[in-house]
Amino acid sequence: MKQFFFFFFVLSFLLLSCGESPEKYNKRAFAVIDSINEATDMFFTFASSCQSMWRSVIFDQEYIHPITGEKKYCSNFNVGIMYYLEDMKPLDSLTKKTILPKIDSLFGTIKEPPKNSQKIFELAKEAYATNKQAYDLAFNPSGSLNSYTENINTLIRKYKELKSQIDIEKKTN
């Protein structure tokens, strides 16, 4: 009976000590955050392109293709948004098939942080949420030009603050 308890104690100790170290987790989590942020940067580029197109249609009666930069006459911003969504459809489809599932999968790999890495996980959750919001701005524009611009500017400001916090954590971990 004593041997059983000793064996059980040793086995329990080994299983509990086999968890991932905070250092390894943090390194992995920062790599995931970097991947998420790369996609977020791309989504902000698309959202800014939509914002420029929207402004151009309203003020210059000119639609600017978000990828090629080609211009054509357009005086109705609703039509401009329709053109934009049509032109972005292949990229949106590719994003839904490859980039978003990759981000979801990567984020899923860091959902079990060690106790000492909880702050890093919270930053990763914030980066993940920002990514989803940036995607929506890029591929689902809505509201008025003013509200859309305000939403982009607010999210970019929060994103820059988040990236600063991440950089500080990278230096200290």
N, C-alpha and C. Protein backbone atom coordinates (compact mmCIF):
# COMPACT_ATOMS: atom_id res chain seq x y z
N MET A 1 0.82 -1.18 0.00
CA MET A 1 0.00 0.00 0.00
C MET A 1 0.87 1.26 0.00
N LYS A 2 1.97 1.22 0.77
CA LYS A 2 2.87 2.36 0.81
C LYS A 2 3.49 2.59 -0.57
N GLN A 3 3.81 1.50 -1.26
CA GLN A 3 4.39 1.63 -2.59
C GLN A 3 3.39 2.29 -3.55
N PHE A 4 2.13 1.94 -3.41
CA PHE A 4 1.10 2.53 -4.27
C PHE A 4 1.03 4.04 -4.06
N PHE A 5 0.99 4.48 -2.79
CA PHE A 5 0.93 5.91 -2.51
C PHE A 5 2.19 6.63 -2.97
N PHE A 6 3.34 5.99 -2.78
CA PHE A 6 4.59 6.59 -3.24
C PHE A 6 4.57 6.72 -4.76
N PHE A 7 4.17 5.66 -5.45
CA PHE A 7 4.08 5.68 -6.91
C PHE A 7 3.08 6.75 -7.37
N PHE A 8 1.93 6.83 -6.71
CA PHE A 8 0.90 7.82 -7.05
C PHE A 8 1.44 9.24 -6.84
N PHE A 9 2.17 9.46 -5.74
CA PHE A 9 2.75 10.77 -5.45
C PHE A 9 3.77 11.16 -6.52
N VAL A 10 4.64 10.24 -6.87
CA VAL A 10 5.67 10.52 -7.90
C VAL A 10 5.01 10.79 -9.24
N LEU A 11 4.03 9.99 -9.61
CA LEU A 11 3.32 10.19 -10.88
C LEU A 11 2.60 11.54 -10.90
N SER A 12 1.95 11.89 -9.81
CA SER A 12 1.26 13.18 -9.73
C SER A 12 2.24 14.34 -9.86
N PHE A 13 3.37 14.23 -9.19
CA PHE A 13 4.39 15.27 -9.25
C PHE A 13 4.90 15.43 -10.68
N LEU A 14 5.17 14.32 -11.34
CA LEU A 14 5.66 14.37 -12.72
C LEU A 14 4.63 14.98 -13.67
N LEU A 15 3.39 14.61 -13.51
CA LEU A 15 2.35 15.16 -14.38
C LEU A 15 2.16 16.65 -14.17
N LEU A 16 2.21 17.09 -12.92
CA LEU A 16 2.04 18.50 -12.64
C LEU A 16 3.23 19.33 -13.10
N SER A 17 4.41 18.76 -13.06
CA SER A 17 5.60 19.51 -13.45
C SER A 17 5.84 19.49 -14.95
N CYS A 18 5.04 18.73 -15.68
CA CYS A 18 5.22 18.65 -17.13
C CYS A 18 4.56 19.80 -17.88
N GLY A 19 3.88 20.69 -17.19
CA GLY A 19 3.22 21.82 -17.85
C GLY A 19 4.25 22.72 -18.52
N GLU A 20 3.78 23.50 -19.46
CA GLU A 20 4.67 24.38 -20.21
C GLU A 20 5.17 25.50 -19.31
N SER A 21 6.44 25.82 -19.43
CA SER A 21 7.00 26.91 -18.64
C SER A 21 6.47 28.25 -19.16
N PRO A 22 6.38 29.24 -18.29
CA PRO A 22 5.92 30.56 -18.74
C PRO A 22 6.80 31.13 -19.86
N GLU A 23 8.09 30.88 -19.81
CA GLU A 23 9.00 31.40 -20.83
C GLU A 23 8.67 30.82 -22.21
N LYS A 24 8.45 29.51 -22.26
CA LYS A 24 8.11 28.87 -23.53
C LYS A 24 6.74 29.34 -24.02
N TYR A 25 5.79 29.42 -23.10
CA TYR A 25 4.45 29.89 -23.46
C TYR A 25 4.52 31.31 -24.01
N ASN A 26 5.24 32.19 -23.31
CA ASN A 26 5.33 33.59 -23.73
C ASN A 26 5.94 33.70 -25.13
N LYS A 27 6.97 32.92 -25.38
CA LYS A 27 7.62 32.95 -26.70
C LYS A 27 6.61 32.53 -27.78
N ARG A 28 5.87 31.49 -27.51
CA ARG A 28 4.86 30.99 -28.45
C ARG A 28 3.73 32.01 -28.61
N ALA A 29 3.29 32.58 -27.49
CA ALA A 29 2.19 33.55 -27.52
C ALA A 29 2.59 34.81 -28.30
N PHE A 30 3.82 35.26 -28.11
CA PHE A 30 4.27 36.45 -28.86
C PHE A 30 4.34 36.16 -30.36
N ALA A 31 4.72 34.95 -30.73
CA ALA A 31 4.73 34.57 -32.15
C ALA A 31 3.30 34.58 -32.71
N VAL A 32 2.36 34.09 -31.93
CA VAL A 32 0.95 34.10 -32.35
C VAL A 32 0.46 35.55 -32.47
N ILE A 33 0.78 36.37 -31.49
CA ILE A 33 0.37 37.79 -31.53
C ILE A 33 0.95 38.47 -32.76
N ASP A 34 2.22 38.19 -33.08
CA ASP A 34 2.83 38.79 -34.27
C ASP A 34 2.09 38.39 -35.54
N SER A 35 1.69 37.14 -35.64
CA SER A 35 0.93 36.68 -36.81
C SER A 35 -0.43 37.36 -36.89
N ILE A 36 -1.08 37.48 -35.75
CA ILE A 36 -2.38 38.16 -35.71
C ILE A 36 -2.21 39.62 -36.13
N ASN A 37 -1.17 40.27 -35.63
CA ASN A 37 -0.95 41.68 -35.94
C ASN A 37 -0.61 41.90 -37.42
N GLU A 38 0.08 40.95 -38.05
CA GLU A 38 0.35 41.08 -39.49
C GLU A 38 -0.96 41.14 -40.27
N ALA A 39 -1.87 40.27 -39.94
CA ALA A 39 -3.17 40.27 -40.62
C ALA A 39 -3.95 41.54 -40.28
N THR A 40 -3.87 41.98 -39.05
CA THR A 40 -4.57 43.20 -38.64
C THR A 40 -4.05 44.40 -39.43
N ASP A 41 -2.73 44.49 -39.60
CA ASP A 41 -2.16 45.58 -40.39
C ASP A 41 -2.72 45.56 -41.81
N MET A 42 -2.82 44.38 -42.39
CA MET A 42 -3.37 44.24 -43.74
C MET A 42 -4.83 44.71 -43.77
N PHE A 43 -5.62 44.32 -42.77
CA PHE A 43 -7.02 44.72 -42.72
C PHE A 43 -7.16 46.23 -42.58
N PHE A 44 -6.28 46.85 -41.80
CA PHE A 44 -6.32 48.30 -41.67
C PHE A 44 -5.96 48.98 -42.99
N THR A 45 -5.06 48.39 -43.75
CA THR A 45 -4.72 48.93 -45.07
C THR A 45 -5.95 48.91 -45.97
N PHE A 46 -6.67 47.79 -45.96
CA PHE A 46 -7.89 47.70 -46.77
C PHE A 46 -8.95 48.68 -46.30
N ALA A 47 -9.11 48.81 -44.99
CA ALA A 47 -10.11 49.74 -44.45
C ALA A 47 -9.76 51.18 -44.82
N SER A 48 -8.48 51.52 -44.78
CA SER A 48 -8.05 52.86 -45.18
C SER A 48 -8.30 53.09 -46.66
N SER A 49 -8.11 52.04 -47.45
CA SER A 49 -8.40 52.12 -48.88
C SER A 49 -9.88 52.37 -49.11
N CYS A 50 -10.72 51.71 -48.36
CA CYS A 50 -12.17 51.91 -48.47
C CYS A 50 -12.52 53.34 -48.07
N GLN A 51 -11.91 53.82 -47.02
CA GLN A 51 -12.15 55.18 -46.56
C GLN A 51 -11.76 56.19 -47.64
N SER A 52 -10.61 56.00 -48.27
CA SER A 52 -10.16 56.89 -49.35
C SER A 52 -11.12 56.85 -50.53
N MET A 53 -11.55 55.64 -50.88
CA MET A 53 -12.49 55.48 -51.98
C MET A 53 -13.78 56.22 -51.67
N TRP A 54 -14.28 56.04 -50.47
CA TRP A 54 -15.53 56.64 -50.03
C TRP A 54 -15.44 58.17 -50.14
N ARG A 55 -14.34 58.71 -49.62
CA ARG A 55 -14.12 60.16 -49.65
C ARG A 55 -14.02 60.64 -51.10
N SER A 56 -13.33 59.89 -51.94
CA SER A 56 -13.16 60.25 -53.34
C SER A 56 -14.49 60.26 -54.09
N VAL A 57 -15.34 59.28 -53.80
CA VAL A 57 -16.65 59.22 -54.46
C VAL A 57 -17.49 60.43 -54.05
N ILE A 58 -17.48 60.76 -52.77
CA ILE A 58 -18.31 61.87 -52.28
C ILE A 58 -17.81 63.22 -52.80
N PHE A 59 -16.50 63.44 -52.72
CA PHE A 59 -15.97 64.77 -53.02
C PHE A 59 -15.49 64.95 -54.46
N ASP A 60 -15.03 63.86 -55.10
CA ASP A 60 -14.48 63.98 -56.45
C ASP A 60 -15.29 63.24 -57.50
N GLN A 61 -16.36 62.55 -57.09
CA GLN A 61 -17.18 61.73 -57.98
C GLN A 61 -16.30 60.74 -58.75
N GLU A 62 -15.40 60.10 -58.02
CA GLU A 62 -14.45 59.19 -58.64
C GLU A 62 -14.27 57.96 -57.75
N TYR A 63 -14.49 56.79 -58.33
CA TYR A 63 -14.26 55.54 -57.62
C TYR A 63 -12.83 55.11 -57.90
N ILE A 64 -12.11 54.75 -56.85
CA ILE A 64 -10.73 54.27 -56.99
C ILE A 64 -10.71 52.80 -56.61
N HIS A 65 -10.30 51.96 -57.55
CA HIS A 65 -10.22 50.51 -57.29
C HIS A 65 -9.22 50.29 -56.15
N PRO A 66 -9.59 49.52 -55.12
CA PRO A 66 -8.74 49.36 -53.94
C PRO A 66 -7.42 48.62 -54.19
N ILE A 67 -7.34 47.86 -55.26
CA ILE A 67 -6.12 47.09 -55.51
C ILE A 67 -5.31 47.68 -56.66
N THR A 68 -5.97 47.98 -57.76
CA THR A 68 -5.24 48.46 -58.95
C THR A 68 -5.07 49.97 -58.96
N GLY A 69 -5.92 50.69 -58.24
CA GLY A 69 -5.85 52.14 -58.24
C GLY A 69 -6.53 52.78 -59.44
N GLU A 70 -7.11 51.96 -60.31
CA GLU A 70 -7.83 52.50 -61.48
C GLU A 70 -9.01 53.34 -61.00
N LYS A 71 -9.29 54.39 -61.77
CA LYS A 71 -10.36 55.32 -61.40
C LYS A 71 -11.47 55.27 -62.43
N LYS A 72 -12.71 55.46 -61.94
CA LYS A 72 -13.85 55.59 -62.84
C LYS A 72 -14.88 56.51 -62.19
N TYR A 73 -15.70 57.10 -63.02
CA TYR A 73 -16.71 58.03 -62.54
C TYR A 73 -17.72 57.31 -61.64
N CYS A 74 -18.02 57.93 -60.51
CA CYS A 74 -19.03 57.41 -59.59
C CYS A 74 -19.43 58.56 -58.67
N SER A 75 -20.70 58.89 -58.65
CA SER A 75 -21.15 60.02 -57.83
C SER A 75 -22.01 59.60 -56.64
N ASN A 76 -22.27 58.31 -56.50
CA ASN A 76 -23.12 57.82 -55.42
C ASN A 76 -22.28 56.92 -54.51
N PHE A 77 -22.14 57.31 -53.24
CA PHE A 77 -21.27 56.54 -52.35
C PHE A 77 -21.79 55.13 -52.11
N ASN A 78 -23.10 54.92 -52.18
CA ASN A 78 -23.62 53.55 -52.05
C ASN A 78 -23.16 52.68 -53.21
N VAL A 79 -23.14 53.25 -54.40
CA VAL A 79 -22.63 52.52 -55.57
C VAL A 79 -21.13 52.29 -55.41
N GLY A 80 -20.43 53.29 -54.90
CA GLY A 80 -18.99 53.15 -54.65
C GLY A 80 -18.69 52.01 -53.69
N ILE A 81 -19.48 51.90 -52.63
CA ILE A 81 -19.29 50.81 -51.68
C ILE A 81 -19.62 49.47 -52.34
N MET A 82 -20.65 49.47 -53.18
CA MET A 82 -20.99 48.24 -53.90
C MET A 82 -19.82 47.82 -54.81
N TYR A 83 -19.21 48.78 -55.52
CA TYR A 83 -18.04 48.49 -56.35
C TYR A 83 -16.90 47.94 -55.49
N TYR A 84 -16.68 48.61 -54.36
CA TYR A 84 -15.60 48.20 -53.45
C TYR A 84 -15.79 46.76 -52.99
N LEU A 85 -17.00 46.45 -52.53
CA LEU A 85 -17.27 45.09 -52.05
C LEU A 85 -17.10 44.06 -53.16
N GLU A 86 -17.51 44.43 -54.36
CA GLU A 86 -17.36 43.52 -55.51
C GLU A 86 -15.88 43.32 -55.84
N ASP A 87 -15.11 44.41 -55.81
CA ASP A 87 -13.68 44.31 -56.11
C ASP A 87 -12.91 43.56 -55.02
N MET A 88 -13.39 43.65 -53.79
CA MET A 88 -12.72 43.00 -52.67
C MET A 88 -13.18 41.56 -52.45
N LYS A 89 -14.21 41.14 -53.17
CA LYS A 89 -14.78 39.80 -52.96
C LYS A 89 -13.73 38.69 -53.06
N PRO A 90 -12.83 38.70 -54.08
CA PRO A 90 -11.82 37.63 -54.12
C PRO A 90 -10.90 37.63 -52.90
N LEU A 91 -10.50 38.83 -52.46
CA LEU A 91 -9.65 38.92 -51.27
C LEU A 91 -10.40 38.49 -50.02
N ASP A 92 -11.65 38.89 -49.92
CA ASP A 92 -12.47 38.50 -48.77
C ASP A 92 -12.63 36.99 -48.73
N SER A 93 -12.88 36.40 -49.88
CA SER A 93 -13.03 34.95 -49.96
C SER A 93 -11.74 34.25 -49.54
N LEU A 94 -10.62 34.73 -50.06
CA LEU A 94 -9.32 34.16 -49.71
C LEU A 94 -9.04 34.32 -48.21
N THR A 95 -9.39 35.47 -47.69
CA THR A 95 -9.20 35.73 -46.26
C THR A 95 -10.02 34.77 -45.41
N LYS A 96 -11.27 34.56 -45.80
CA LYS A 96 -12.14 33.66 -45.05
C LYS A 96 -11.67 32.21 -45.13
N LYS A 97 -11.05 31.84 -46.25
CA LYS A 97 -10.60 30.46 -46.43
C LYS A 97 -9.25 30.18 -45.80
N THR A 98 -8.38 31.18 -45.75
CA THR A 98 -7.02 30.90 -45.29
C THR A 98 -6.62 31.69 -44.05
N ILE A 99 -6.71 33.00 -44.12
CA ILE A 99 -6.16 33.83 -43.05
C ILE A 99 -6.95 33.71 -41.75
N LEU A 100 -8.27 33.87 -41.81
CA LEU A 100 -9.07 33.81 -40.58
C LEU A 100 -8.99 32.44 -39.89
N PRO A 101 -9.09 31.33 -40.64
CA PRO A 101 -8.94 30.03 -39.96
C PRO A 101 -7.55 29.84 -39.35
N LYS A 102 -6.52 30.37 -40.03
CA LYS A 102 -5.16 30.27 -39.49
C LYS A 102 -5.07 31.03 -38.17
N ILE A 103 -5.63 32.23 -38.15
CA ILE A 103 -5.60 33.03 -36.93
C ILE A 103 -6.38 32.35 -35.81
N ASP A 104 -7.55 31.83 -36.13
CA ASP A 104 -8.35 31.11 -35.12
C ASP A 104 -7.58 29.91 -34.58
N SER A 105 -6.93 29.19 -35.47
CA SER A 105 -6.16 28.01 -35.07
C SER A 105 -4.98 28.40 -34.19
N LEU A 106 -4.25 29.42 -34.61
CA LEU A 106 -3.10 29.87 -33.81
C LEU A 106 -3.55 30.35 -32.44
N PHE A 107 -4.62 31.12 -32.40
CA PHE A 107 -5.11 31.61 -31.12
C PHE A 107 -5.53 30.46 -30.22
N GLY A 108 -6.10 29.43 -30.81
CA GLY A 108 -6.51 28.26 -30.05
C GLY A 108 -5.36 27.54 -29.36
N THR A 109 -4.15 27.71 -29.88
CA THR A 109 -2.99 27.02 -29.30
C THR A 109 -2.48 27.69 -28.03
N ILE A 110 -2.95 28.89 -27.73
CA ILE A 110 -2.44 29.59 -26.54
C ILE A 110 -3.53 29.86 -25.51
N LYS A 111 -4.62 29.14 -25.58
CA LYS A 111 -5.75 29.39 -24.68
C LYS A 111 -5.54 28.86 -23.26
N GLU A 112 -4.50 28.12 -23.01
CA GLU A 112 -4.24 27.56 -21.68
C GLU A 112 -2.92 28.13 -21.13
N PRO A 113 -2.92 29.40 -20.71
CA PRO A 113 -1.66 29.98 -20.24
C PRO A 113 -1.30 29.54 -18.82
N PRO A 114 0.00 29.44 -18.54
CA PRO A 114 0.41 29.25 -17.15
C PRO A 114 0.00 30.48 -16.34
N LYS A 115 -0.07 30.33 -15.03
CA LYS A 115 -0.52 31.44 -14.18
C LYS A 115 0.31 32.71 -14.39
N ASN A 116 1.61 32.54 -14.56
CA ASN A 116 2.49 33.70 -14.71
C ASN A 116 2.41 34.35 -16.09
N SER A 117 1.64 33.77 -16.99
CA SER A 117 1.53 34.30 -18.35
C SER A 117 0.14 34.84 -18.66
N GLN A 118 -0.66 35.04 -17.64
CA GLN A 118 -2.03 35.49 -17.85
C GLN A 118 -2.08 36.85 -18.55
N LYS A 119 -1.16 37.75 -18.19
CA LYS A 119 -1.15 39.08 -18.80
C LYS A 119 -0.86 38.99 -20.31
N ILE A 120 0.04 38.09 -20.69
CA ILE A 120 0.36 37.89 -22.10
C ILE A 120 -0.87 37.36 -22.83
N PHE A 121 -1.58 36.44 -22.19
CA PHE A 121 -2.79 35.90 -22.80
C PHE A 121 -3.85 37.00 -22.98
N GLU A 122 -3.98 37.89 -22.01
CA GLU A 122 -4.94 38.99 -22.13
C GLU A 122 -4.58 39.90 -23.31
N LEU A 123 -3.29 40.15 -23.50
CA LEU A 123 -2.86 40.94 -24.65
C LEU A 123 -3.17 40.22 -25.96
N ALA A 124 -2.99 38.91 -25.96
CA ALA A 124 -3.30 38.11 -27.15
C ALA A 124 -4.80 38.17 -27.45
N LYS A 125 -5.63 38.10 -26.41
CA LYS A 125 -7.08 38.19 -26.61
C LYS A 125 -7.46 39.55 -27.19
N GLU A 126 -6.80 40.59 -26.69
CA GLU A 126 -7.07 41.93 -27.20
C GLU A 126 -6.64 42.05 -28.67
N ALA A 127 -5.49 41.48 -29.01
CA ALA A 127 -5.01 41.50 -30.40
C ALA A 127 -5.98 40.74 -31.30
N TYR A 128 -6.47 39.62 -30.81
CA TYR A 128 -7.43 38.80 -31.56
C TYR A 128 -8.73 39.57 -31.80
N ALA A 129 -9.24 40.23 -30.77
CA ALA A 129 -10.48 41.01 -30.91
C ALA A 129 -10.28 42.18 -31.87
N THR A 130 -9.14 42.85 -31.78
CA THR A 130 -8.84 43.95 -32.69
C THR A 130 -8.77 43.47 -34.12
N ASN A 131 -8.20 42.29 -34.32
CA ASN A 131 -8.13 41.70 -35.66
C ASN A 131 -9.52 41.50 -36.24
N LYS A 132 -10.42 40.98 -35.44
CA LYS A 132 -11.80 40.74 -35.90
C LYS A 132 -12.49 42.06 -36.26
N GLN A 133 -12.27 43.09 -35.44
CA GLN A 133 -12.88 44.39 -35.72
C GLN A 133 -12.29 45.02 -36.98
N ALA A 134 -10.98 44.90 -37.16
CA ALA A 134 -10.33 45.45 -38.36
C ALA A 134 -10.82 44.73 -39.61
N TYR A 135 -11.02 43.42 -39.50
CA TYR A 135 -11.57 42.66 -40.63
C TYR A 135 -12.96 43.21 -41.00
N ASP A 136 -13.80 43.41 -39.99
CA ASP A 136 -15.14 43.93 -40.26
C ASP A 136 -15.10 45.31 -40.92
N LEU A 137 -14.20 46.16 -40.48
CA LEU A 137 -14.08 47.48 -41.10
C LEU A 137 -13.63 47.35 -42.56
N ALA A 138 -12.73 46.43 -42.83
CA ALA A 138 -12.20 46.28 -44.19
C ALA A 138 -13.20 45.67 -45.15
N PHE A 139 -13.95 44.69 -44.71
CA PHE A 139 -14.79 43.93 -45.63
C PHE A 139 -16.29 44.13 -45.43
N ASN A 140 -16.68 44.90 -44.42
CA ASN A 140 -18.10 45.18 -44.18
C ASN A 140 -18.29 46.65 -43.82
N PRO A 141 -17.92 47.57 -44.71
CA PRO A 141 -18.06 48.99 -44.38
C PRO A 141 -19.53 49.36 -44.18
N SER A 142 -19.77 50.19 -43.18
CA SER A 142 -21.15 50.60 -42.92
C SER A 142 -21.16 51.95 -42.22
N GLY A 143 -22.34 52.54 -42.14
CA GLY A 143 -22.50 53.83 -41.50
C GLY A 143 -22.23 54.96 -42.48
N SER A 144 -21.95 56.12 -41.93
CA SER A 144 -21.59 57.27 -42.76
C SER A 144 -20.07 57.32 -42.87
N LEU A 145 -19.58 58.15 -43.79
CA LEU A 145 -18.13 58.31 -43.91
C LEU A 145 -17.55 58.80 -42.59
N ASN A 146 -18.23 59.73 -41.93
CA ASN A 146 -17.73 60.25 -40.65
C ASN A 146 -17.65 59.16 -39.59
N SER A 147 -18.71 58.37 -39.45
CA SER A 147 -18.70 57.32 -38.42
C SER A 147 -17.68 56.23 -38.77
N TYR A 148 -17.57 55.91 -40.05
CA TYR A 148 -16.60 54.90 -40.49
C TYR A 148 -15.18 55.38 -40.19
N THR A 149 -14.90 56.64 -40.53
CA THR A 149 -13.59 57.23 -40.26
C THR A 149 -13.30 57.25 -38.77
N GLU A 150 -14.29 57.63 -37.98
CA GLU A 150 -14.12 57.66 -36.53
C GLU A 150 -13.85 56.25 -35.98
N ASN A 151 -14.56 55.26 -36.49
CA ASN A 151 -14.34 53.88 -36.04
C ASN A 151 -12.93 53.41 -36.39
N ILE A 152 -12.48 53.72 -37.60
CA ILE A 152 -11.11 53.34 -38.00
C ILE A 152 -10.10 54.03 -37.10
N ASN A 153 -10.24 55.35 -36.94
CA ASN A 153 -9.27 56.10 -36.14
C ASN A 153 -9.23 55.63 -34.69
N THR A 154 -10.39 55.36 -34.11
CA THR A 154 -10.46 54.89 -32.73
C THR A 154 -9.78 53.52 -32.60
N LEU A 155 -10.09 52.63 -33.53
CA LEU A 155 -9.51 51.28 -33.45
C LEU A 155 -8.01 51.32 -33.70
N ILE A 156 -7.55 52.14 -34.63
CA ILE A 156 -6.11 52.25 -34.89
C ILE A 156 -5.40 52.80 -33.66
N ARG A 157 -5.99 53.80 -33.01
CA ARG A 157 -5.38 54.36 -31.81
C ARG A 157 -5.25 53.29 -30.71
N LYS A 158 -6.32 52.52 -30.50
CA LYS A 158 -6.28 51.44 -29.50
C LYS A 158 -5.25 50.38 -29.90
N TYR A 159 -5.18 50.10 -31.19
CA TYR A 159 -4.24 49.10 -31.70
C TYR A 159 -2.80 49.53 -31.46
N LYS A 160 -2.50 50.80 -31.70
CA LYS A 160 -1.14 51.31 -31.45
C LYS A 160 -0.78 51.21 -29.97
N GLU A 161 -1.75 51.53 -29.11
CA GLU A 161 -1.51 51.40 -27.67
C GLU A 161 -1.26 49.94 -27.29
N LEU A 162 -2.04 49.05 -27.88
CA LEU A 162 -1.87 47.62 -27.62
C LEU A 162 -0.50 47.15 -28.07
N LYS A 163 -0.08 47.58 -29.26
CA LYS A 163 1.23 47.17 -29.77
C LYS A 163 2.35 47.69 -28.86
N SER A 164 2.17 48.88 -28.30
CA SER A 164 3.16 49.42 -27.36
C SER A 164 3.23 48.55 -26.10
N GLN A 165 2.06 48.16 -25.59
CA GLN A 165 2.03 47.28 -24.41
C GLN A 165 2.70 45.94 -24.72
N ILE A 166 2.44 45.41 -25.90
CA ILE A 166 3.04 44.13 -26.30
C ILE A 166 4.55 44.27 -26.38
N ASP A 167 5.03 45.37 -26.96
CA ASP A 167 6.48 45.60 -27.06
C ASP A 167 7.12 45.68 -25.68
N ILE A 168 6.44 46.34 -24.74
CA ILE A 168 6.96 46.43 -23.37
C ILE A 168 7.03 45.04 -22.74
N GLU A 169 5.98 44.25 -22.91
CA GLU A 169 5.97 42.90 -22.35
C GLU A 169 7.04 42.02 -22.99
N LYS A 170 7.27 42.18 -24.29
CA LYS A 170 8.31 41.40 -24.97
C LYS A 170 9.68 41.69 -24.36
N LYS A 171 9.91 42.95 -24.03
CA LYS A 171 11.21 43.34 -23.47
C LYS A 171 11.39 42.83 -22.05
N THR A 172 10.29 42.71 -21.31
CA THR A 172 10.40 42.30 -19.91
C THR A 172 10.24 40.79 -19.71
N ASN A 173 9.83 40.08 -20.75
CA ASN A 173 9.64 38.63 -20.60
C ASN A 173 10.64 37.87 -21.39
